[in-house]
N, C-alpha and C. Protein backbone atom coordinates (compact mmCIF):
# COMPACT_ATOMS: atom_id res chain seq x y z
N UNK A 1 10.29 10.80 -7.10
CA UNK A 1 9.08 10.16 -6.75
C UNK A 1 9.07 9.67 -5.50
N UNK A 2 10.10 9.28 -4.89
CA UNK A 2 10.08 8.63 -3.41
C UNK A 2 10.41 9.52 -2.36
N UNK A 3 10.87 10.49 -2.70
CA UNK A 3 11.05 11.70 -1.64
C UNK A 3 11.39 11.15 -0.40
N UNK A 4 12.81 10.57 -0.06
CA UNK A 4 13.17 10.16 1.05
C UNK A 4 13.14 10.96 2.57
N UNK A 5 13.43 12.38 1.94
CA UNK A 5 13.52 13.40 2.73
C UNK A 5 12.24 13.87 3.50
N UNK A 6 11.04 13.85 2.80
CA UNK A 6 9.82 13.84 2.98
C UNK A 6 9.40 12.65 3.80
N UNK A 7 9.57 11.71 3.52
CA UNK A 7 9.29 10.28 4.02
C UNK A 7 9.84 10.66 5.69
N UNK A 8 11.18 10.77 5.75
CA UNK A 8 11.43 10.84 7.34
C UNK A 8 11.19 12.21 7.85
N UNK A 9 10.51 13.22 7.32
CA UNK A 9 10.08 14.30 7.76
C UNK A 9 8.55 14.01 8.50
N UNK A 10 7.82 13.03 7.58
CA UNK A 10 6.70 12.82 7.91
C UNK A 10 6.50 11.71 8.92
N UNK A 11 7.43 10.80 9.04
CA UNK A 11 7.58 9.45 9.93
C UNK A 11 7.19 9.78 11.15
N UNK A 12 7.65 11.04 12.09
CA UNK A 12 7.08 11.08 13.42
C UNK A 12 5.85 11.44 13.52
N UNK A 13 4.86 11.69 12.33
CA UNK A 13 3.45 11.81 12.59
C UNK A 13 2.82 10.44 12.46
N UNK A 14 3.49 9.58 11.99
CA UNK A 14 2.59 8.42 12.18
C UNK A 14 2.12 7.80 13.78
N UNK A 15 1.16 7.35 14.01
CA UNK A 15 0.58 6.87 15.23
C UNK A 15 0.53 8.00 16.15
N UNK A 16 0.02 9.36 15.32
CA UNK A 16 -0.17 10.46 16.29
C UNK A 16 1.27 10.85 16.92
N UNK A 17 2.31 10.55 16.66
CA UNK A 17 3.41 11.07 17.04
C UNK A 17 3.78 10.25 18.11
N UNK A 18 3.16 9.22 18.38
CA UNK A 18 3.58 8.27 19.80
C UNK A 18 4.33 7.09 19.31
N UNK A 19 5.14 6.65 20.27
CA UNK A 19 5.91 5.52 19.88
C UNK A 19 5.09 4.30 19.91
N UNK A 20 5.53 3.18 19.14
CA UNK A 20 4.80 2.21 19.19
C UNK A 20 4.02 1.88 17.75
N UNK A 21 3.11 0.77 17.85
CA UNK A 21 2.47 0.64 16.70
C UNK A 21 0.91 0.82 16.70
N UNK A 22 0.09 1.23 15.70
CA UNK A 22 -1.50 0.99 15.86
C UNK A 22 -1.72 0.26 14.51
N UNK A 23 -2.86 -0.30 14.70
CA UNK A 23 -3.46 -0.84 13.37
C UNK A 23 -4.42 0.09 12.58
N UNK A 24 -4.68 1.08 13.14
CA UNK A 24 -5.99 1.95 12.51
C UNK A 24 -5.19 2.79 11.55
N UNK A 25 -3.91 3.46 11.45
CA UNK A 25 -3.32 3.96 10.00
C UNK A 25 -3.05 2.83 9.03
N UNK A 26 -2.36 2.03 9.60
CA UNK A 26 -2.20 0.89 8.44
C UNK A 26 -3.47 0.21 7.74
N UNK A 27 -4.47 0.15 8.17
CA UNK A 27 -5.79 -0.20 7.82
C UNK A 27 -6.17 0.92 6.60
N UNK A 28 -6.01 2.05 6.91
CA UNK A 28 -6.37 2.81 5.70
C UNK A 28 -5.28 2.80 4.34
N UNK A 29 -3.99 2.42 4.77
CA UNK A 29 -3.10 2.19 3.72
C UNK A 29 -3.36 1.08 3.16
N UNK A 30 -4.01 -0.28 3.87
CA UNK A 30 -4.45 -1.44 3.13
C UNK A 30 -5.43 -1.04 2.44
N UNK A 31 -6.55 -0.61 2.80
CA UNK A 31 -7.94 -0.03 1.83
C UNK A 31 -7.32 0.79 0.57
N UNK A 32 -6.23 1.68 0.71
CA UNK A 32 -5.86 2.47 -0.26
C UNK A 32 -5.26 1.72 -1.35
N UNK A 33 -4.51 0.66 -0.91
CA UNK A 33 -3.83 -0.18 -1.99
C UNK A 33 -4.88 -1.26 -2.48
N UNK A 34 -5.78 -1.60 -1.99
CA UNK A 34 -6.92 -2.20 -2.38
C UNK A 34 -7.37 -1.59 -3.56
N UNK A 35 -7.86 -0.29 -3.09
CA UNK A 35 -8.58 0.73 -4.24
C UNK A 35 -7.62 0.81 -5.57
N UNK A 36 -6.48 1.32 -5.00
CA UNK A 36 -5.53 1.66 -6.20
C UNK A 36 -5.30 0.42 -7.07
N UNK A 37 -4.97 -0.93 -6.52
CA UNK A 37 -4.79 -1.86 -7.32
C UNK A 37 -5.79 -2.33 -8.07
N UNK A 38 -7.17 -2.07 -7.53
CA UNK A 38 -8.12 -2.72 -8.50
C UNK A 38 -8.58 -1.89 -9.68
N UNK A 39 -7.86 -0.62 -9.22
CA UNK A 39 -8.16 0.41 -10.65
C UNK A 39 -6.77 0.11 -11.66
N UNK A 40 -5.76 -0.19 -11.25
CA UNK A 40 -4.54 -0.56 -12.04
C UNK A 40 -4.59 -1.95 -12.74
N UNK A 41 -4.78 -3.05 -11.84
CA UNK A 41 -4.79 -4.19 -12.49
C UNK A 41 -6.06 -4.72 -12.97
N UNK A 42 -6.05 -5.26 -14.36
CA UNK A 42 -7.55 -5.72 -14.71
C UNK A 42 -8.08 -6.94 -14.08
N UNK A 43 -9.49 -7.08 -14.00
CA UNK A 43 -10.02 -8.30 -13.36
C UNK A 43 -9.22 -9.67 -13.95
N UNK A 44 -9.17 -9.70 -15.10
CA UNK A 44 -8.40 -10.99 -15.51
C UNK A 44 -6.91 -10.99 -15.75
N UNK A 45 -6.21 -10.00 -15.02
CA UNK A 45 -4.83 -10.09 -15.00
C UNK A 45 -4.20 -11.36 -14.10
N UNK A 46 -3.39 -11.86 -14.72
CA UNK A 46 -2.55 -12.92 -14.27
C UNK A 46 -1.44 -12.74 -13.37
N UNK A 47 -0.85 -13.99 -12.87
CA UNK A 47 0.02 -13.32 -12.06
C UNK A 47 1.44 -12.92 -12.42
N UNK A 48 1.37 -13.10 -13.77
CA UNK A 48 2.77 -12.39 -14.34
C UNK A 48 2.67 -10.75 -14.21
N UNK A 49 1.37 -10.28 -14.56
CA UNK A 49 1.36 -8.86 -14.50
C UNK A 49 1.63 -8.05 -13.05
N UNK A 50 1.39 -8.86 -12.10
CA UNK A 50 1.80 -8.65 -10.77
C UNK A 50 3.18 -8.86 -10.48
N UNK A 51 3.74 -10.00 -11.04
CA UNK A 51 5.36 -10.12 -10.75
C UNK A 51 5.82 -9.24 -11.50
N UNK A 52 5.63 -8.71 -12.90
CA UNK A 52 6.62 -7.86 -13.67
C UNK A 52 6.10 -6.46 -12.75
N UNK A 53 4.90 -5.93 -12.10
CA UNK A 53 5.07 -5.05 -11.18
C UNK A 53 5.78 -4.88 -10.29
N UNK A 54 5.88 -5.86 -9.47
CA UNK A 54 7.04 -5.96 -8.35
C UNK A 54 8.45 -5.84 -8.67
N UNK A 55 8.75 -6.45 -9.78
CA UNK A 55 10.16 -6.48 -10.35
C UNK A 55 10.18 -4.80 -10.65
N UNK A 56 9.24 -4.18 -11.23
CA UNK A 56 9.59 -2.84 -11.62
C UNK A 56 9.68 -1.77 -10.31
N UNK A 57 8.71 -2.23 -9.44
CA UNK A 57 8.73 -1.72 -8.03
C UNK A 57 10.09 -1.80 -7.34
N UNK A 58 10.82 -2.85 -7.50
CA UNK A 58 12.09 -3.35 -6.87
C UNK A 58 13.16 -2.63 -7.45
N UNK A 59 13.28 -2.43 -8.87
CA UNK A 59 14.08 -1.54 -9.69
C UNK A 59 13.82 -0.12 -9.59
N UNK A 60 12.56 0.48 -9.26
CA UNK A 60 12.32 1.85 -8.98
C UNK A 60 12.83 2.26 -7.72
N UNK A 61 12.88 1.18 -6.82
CA UNK A 61 13.37 1.64 -5.23
C UNK A 61 14.79 1.15 -5.12
N UNK A 62 15.24 0.76 -6.25
CA UNK A 62 16.69 0.29 -6.00
C UNK A 62 16.75 -0.89 -4.94
N UNK A 63 15.83 -1.66 -4.64
CA UNK A 63 15.39 -2.55 -3.71
C UNK A 63 15.85 -1.96 -2.29
N UNK A 64 15.84 -0.69 -2.16
CA UNK A 64 16.01 -0.04 -0.59
C UNK A 64 14.70 0.60 -0.51
N UNK A 65 13.87 0.02 0.69
CA UNK A 65 14.28 -1.16 1.48
C UNK A 65 14.00 -2.59 0.75
N UNK A 66 14.79 -3.51 0.96
CA UNK A 66 14.79 -4.94 0.27
C UNK A 66 13.23 -5.30 0.31
N UNK A 67 12.81 -5.96 -0.81
CA UNK A 67 11.54 -6.35 -0.85
C UNK A 67 11.47 -7.71 -1.67
N UNK A 68 11.19 -8.70 -1.04
CA UNK A 68 10.82 -9.95 -1.25
C UNK A 68 9.91 -10.01 -2.50
N UNK A 69 10.18 -10.45 -3.71
CA UNK A 69 9.42 -10.66 -4.84
C UNK A 69 8.19 -11.34 -4.47
N UNK A 70 8.21 -12.62 -4.11
CA UNK A 70 7.05 -13.35 -3.67
C UNK A 70 6.02 -12.94 -2.87
N UNK A 71 6.51 -12.45 -1.56
CA UNK A 71 5.82 -12.03 -0.53
C UNK A 71 5.07 -10.47 -0.97
N UNK A 72 5.89 -9.72 -1.68
CA UNK A 72 5.26 -8.22 -2.13
C UNK A 72 4.04 -8.82 -3.05
N UNK A 73 4.26 -10.04 -4.08
CA UNK A 73 3.22 -10.34 -5.03
C UNK A 73 2.15 -10.84 -4.18
N UNK A 74 2.49 -11.62 -3.15
CA UNK A 74 1.13 -11.91 -2.17
C UNK A 74 0.54 -10.77 -1.51
N UNK A 75 0.92 -9.84 -1.33
CA UNK A 75 0.49 -8.62 -0.80
C UNK A 75 -0.60 -7.99 -1.61
N UNK A 76 0.05 -7.84 -3.12
CA UNK A 76 -0.78 -7.23 -4.12
C UNK A 76 -2.02 -8.26 -4.34
N UNK A 77 -1.69 -9.48 -4.46
CA UNK A 77 -2.94 -10.30 -4.86
C UNK A 77 -3.83 -10.40 -3.85
N UNK A 78 -3.61 -10.43 -2.64
CA UNK A 78 -4.52 -10.13 -1.38
C UNK A 78 -5.15 -8.85 -1.63
N UNK A 79 -4.60 -7.76 -1.95
CA UNK A 79 -5.30 -6.62 -2.15
C UNK A 79 -6.10 -6.78 -3.09
N UNK A 80 -5.92 -7.46 -4.14
CA UNK A 80 -7.00 -7.61 -5.38
C UNK A 80 -8.19 -8.44 -4.89
N UNK A 81 -7.92 -9.04 -3.82
CA UNK A 81 -9.21 -9.98 -3.34
C UNK A 81 -8.93 -11.33 -3.61
N UNK A 82 -7.80 -11.92 -4.24
CA UNK A 82 -7.85 -13.37 -4.40
C UNK A 82 -7.76 -14.18 -2.87
N UNK A 83 -8.75 -14.99 -2.81
CA UNK A 83 -8.90 -15.76 -1.68
C UNK A 83 -7.92 -16.68 -1.42
N UNK A 84 -7.17 -17.38 -1.98
CA UNK A 84 -6.08 -18.52 -1.92
C UNK A 84 -4.97 -17.74 -1.58
N UNK A 85 -4.65 -16.69 -1.57
CA UNK A 85 -3.28 -16.06 -1.15
C UNK A 85 -3.02 -16.17 0.31
N UNK A 86 -1.81 -16.62 0.76
CA UNK A 86 -1.33 -16.91 2.08
C UNK A 86 -0.51 -15.67 2.47
N UNK A 87 -0.71 -14.77 3.55
CA UNK A 87 0.14 -13.95 3.80
C UNK A 87 0.48 -14.08 5.37
N UNK A 88 0.23 -15.07 5.77
CA UNK A 88 0.46 -15.37 7.26
C UNK A 88 2.10 -15.04 7.57
N UNK A 89 2.88 -15.32 6.68
CA UNK A 89 4.27 -15.31 7.12
C UNK A 89 5.02 -13.93 6.85
N UNK A 90 3.86 -12.96 6.53
CA UNK A 90 4.47 -11.72 6.32
C UNK A 90 4.02 -10.70 7.57
N UNK A 91 4.76 -10.22 8.30
CA UNK A 91 4.19 -9.29 9.53
C UNK A 91 3.42 -8.27 9.06
N UNK A 92 2.80 -7.44 10.16
CA UNK A 92 2.05 -6.29 9.70
C UNK A 92 3.30 -5.03 9.43
N UNK A 93 4.14 -5.25 9.81
CA UNK A 93 5.07 -4.07 9.41
C UNK A 93 5.78 -4.21 8.39
N UNK A 94 5.78 -5.57 7.85
CA UNK A 94 6.25 -5.90 6.33
C UNK A 94 5.27 -5.35 5.52
N UNK A 95 3.70 -5.78 5.85
CA UNK A 95 2.86 -5.52 4.83
C UNK A 95 2.61 -4.23 4.67
N UNK A 96 2.83 -3.46 5.59
CA UNK A 96 2.40 -1.68 5.78
C UNK A 96 3.44 -1.25 4.76
N UNK A 97 4.85 -1.75 5.08
CA UNK A 97 5.97 -1.12 4.15
C UNK A 97 5.83 -1.52 2.61
N UNK A 98 5.45 -2.63 2.54
CA UNK A 98 5.01 -3.19 1.03
C UNK A 98 3.85 -2.65 0.41
N UNK A 99 2.88 -2.36 1.08
CA UNK A 99 1.74 -1.70 0.72
C UNK A 99 1.98 -0.05 0.34
N UNK A 100 2.57 0.33 1.37
CA UNK A 100 3.01 1.86 1.04
C UNK A 100 3.82 2.01 -0.37
N UNK A 101 4.75 1.49 -0.47
CA UNK A 101 5.72 1.29 -1.82
C UNK A 101 4.85 0.78 -2.82
N UNK A 102 3.89 0.11 -2.72
CA UNK A 102 3.05 -0.45 -4.03
C UNK A 102 2.50 0.79 -4.48
N UNK A 103 1.54 1.48 -3.10
CA UNK A 103 0.75 2.59 -3.42
C UNK A 103 1.31 3.67 -3.87
N UNK A 104 2.66 3.79 -3.70
CA UNK A 104 3.15 4.95 -4.43
C UNK A 104 3.85 4.77 -5.68
N UNK A 105 4.05 3.34 -6.22
CA UNK A 105 4.13 3.33 -7.53
C UNK A 105 2.85 3.18 -8.39
N UNK A 106 1.79 2.58 -7.67
CA UNK A 106 0.42 2.71 -8.27
C UNK A 106 0.03 3.95 -8.61
N UNK A 107 0.15 5.00 -7.56
CA UNK A 107 -0.44 6.26 -7.54
C UNK A 107 0.34 7.12 -9.10
N UNK A 108 1.59 6.68 -9.30
CA UNK A 108 2.23 7.39 -10.44
C UNK A 108 1.86 6.59 -11.52
N UNK A 109 1.79 5.14 -11.58
CA UNK A 109 1.40 4.57 -12.93
C UNK A 109 -0.12 4.95 -13.24
N UNK A 110 -1.00 5.22 -12.11
CA UNK A 110 -2.32 5.68 -12.40
C UNK A 110 -2.38 7.38 -12.76
N UNK A 111 -1.27 7.87 -12.81
CA UNK A 111 -1.09 9.44 -12.83
C UNK A 111 -2.32 10.05 -12.06
N UNK A 112 -2.35 9.75 -10.94
CA UNK A 112 -3.40 10.47 -9.88
C UNK A 112 -2.75 11.81 -9.62
N UNK A 113 -3.90 13.01 -9.68
CA UNK A 113 -3.50 14.33 -9.50
C UNK A 113 -3.61 14.39 -8.08
N UNK A 114 -3.45 15.42 -7.38
CA UNK A 114 -3.71 15.91 -5.91
C UNK A 114 -5.41 15.55 -5.66
N UNK A 115 -6.12 16.07 -6.25
CA UNK A 115 -7.52 16.01 -5.77
C UNK A 115 -7.90 14.35 -5.99
N UNK A 116 -7.33 13.49 -6.75
CA UNK A 116 -7.72 12.07 -6.99
C UNK A 116 -6.96 11.54 -5.88
N UNK A 117 -5.85 12.00 -5.46
CA UNK A 117 -5.36 11.25 -4.34
C UNK A 117 -5.81 11.34 -3.11
N UNK A 118 -6.49 13.01 -2.81
CA UNK A 118 -7.22 13.24 -1.74
C UNK A 118 -8.47 12.39 -1.77
N UNK A 119 -9.24 12.26 -2.83
CA UNK A 119 -10.36 11.34 -2.89
C UNK A 119 -9.96 9.89 -2.40
N UNK A 120 -8.97 9.37 -2.86
CA UNK A 120 -8.24 8.02 -2.65
C UNK A 120 -8.11 8.03 -1.17
N UNK A 121 -7.49 8.81 -0.52
CA UNK A 121 -7.34 8.86 1.16
C UNK A 121 -8.61 8.86 1.67
N UNK A 122 -9.43 9.89 1.61
CA UNK A 122 -10.80 9.82 1.96
C UNK A 122 -11.80 8.40 1.96
N UNK A 123 -11.76 8.13 0.91
CA UNK A 123 -12.32 6.80 0.71
C UNK A 123 -11.99 5.52 1.39
N UNK A 124 -10.39 5.45 1.27
CA UNK A 124 -9.74 4.60 2.27
C UNK A 124 -10.18 4.54 3.87
N UNK A 125 -10.08 6.10 4.24
CA UNK A 125 -10.39 6.29 5.42
C UNK A 125 -11.97 5.63 5.80
N UNK A 126 -12.70 5.99 4.91
CA UNK A 126 -14.08 5.52 5.30
C UNK A 126 -14.28 3.94 5.28
N UNK A 127 -13.40 3.22 4.13
CA UNK A 127 -13.43 1.81 4.42
C UNK A 127 -12.75 1.39 5.63
N UNK A 128 -11.75 2.07 6.09
CA UNK A 128 -11.22 1.74 7.45
C UNK A 128 -12.37 1.81 8.58
N UNK A 129 -12.80 2.94 8.44
CA UNK A 129 -13.93 2.95 9.33
C UNK A 129 -15.22 2.04 9.47
N UNK A 130 -15.68 1.56 8.20
CA UNK A 130 -16.42 0.75 7.89
C UNK A 130 -16.14 -0.68 8.67
N UNK A 131 -14.67 -1.04 8.55
CA UNK A 131 -14.18 -2.17 8.57
C UNK A 131 -13.82 -2.26 10.45
N UNK A 132 -14.35 -1.08 11.26
CA UNK A 132 -14.04 -1.13 12.55
C UNK A 132 -12.73 -0.49 12.88
N UNK A 133 -11.94 0.10 12.28
CA UNK A 133 -10.91 0.83 12.51
C UNK A 133 -11.10 2.14 13.19
N UNK A 134 -9.90 2.94 13.56
CA UNK A 134 -10.43 4.20 14.05
C UNK A 134 -9.25 5.14 13.61
N UNK A 135 -9.04 5.38 12.67
CA UNK A 135 -7.70 6.07 12.25
C UNK A 135 -7.84 7.50 12.24
N UNK A 136 -7.17 8.52 12.63
CA UNK A 136 -7.08 9.92 12.74
C UNK A 136 -7.62 10.25 11.23
N UNK A 137 -8.39 11.02 10.96
CA UNK A 137 -8.87 11.64 9.52
C UNK A 137 -8.34 12.63 9.19
N UNK A 138 -7.74 12.41 7.77
CA UNK A 138 -7.04 13.52 7.01
C UNK A 138 -8.16 14.64 6.66
């Protein structure tokens, strides 16, 4: 499921292959995480459901890379639109990594096929564009 070889192969394509960081591509991942999280978690889910999911994610990845339980929970809760969640102490890079891993497990748990994943990407790109970002479109 995690395909580390493919991840390493695709890594150089991030940021248009240029060195450094941009916020446009992570904006797509953030939107995708929001969409997938809202599909997976019920509206009335409590913090235990999110905590259990993060524990499952840490187990599935063998905690490699290391994921802070509470910070990852905060990223998911923020993706679900909880207003009182504080993510100030989590760097953009950490949030990108957490969202990417969360998204991987969510797509597996939601059993999204290739067409559904393509739609998720397109919808996420549109959301990022609506928010003022300029990601390269898939």
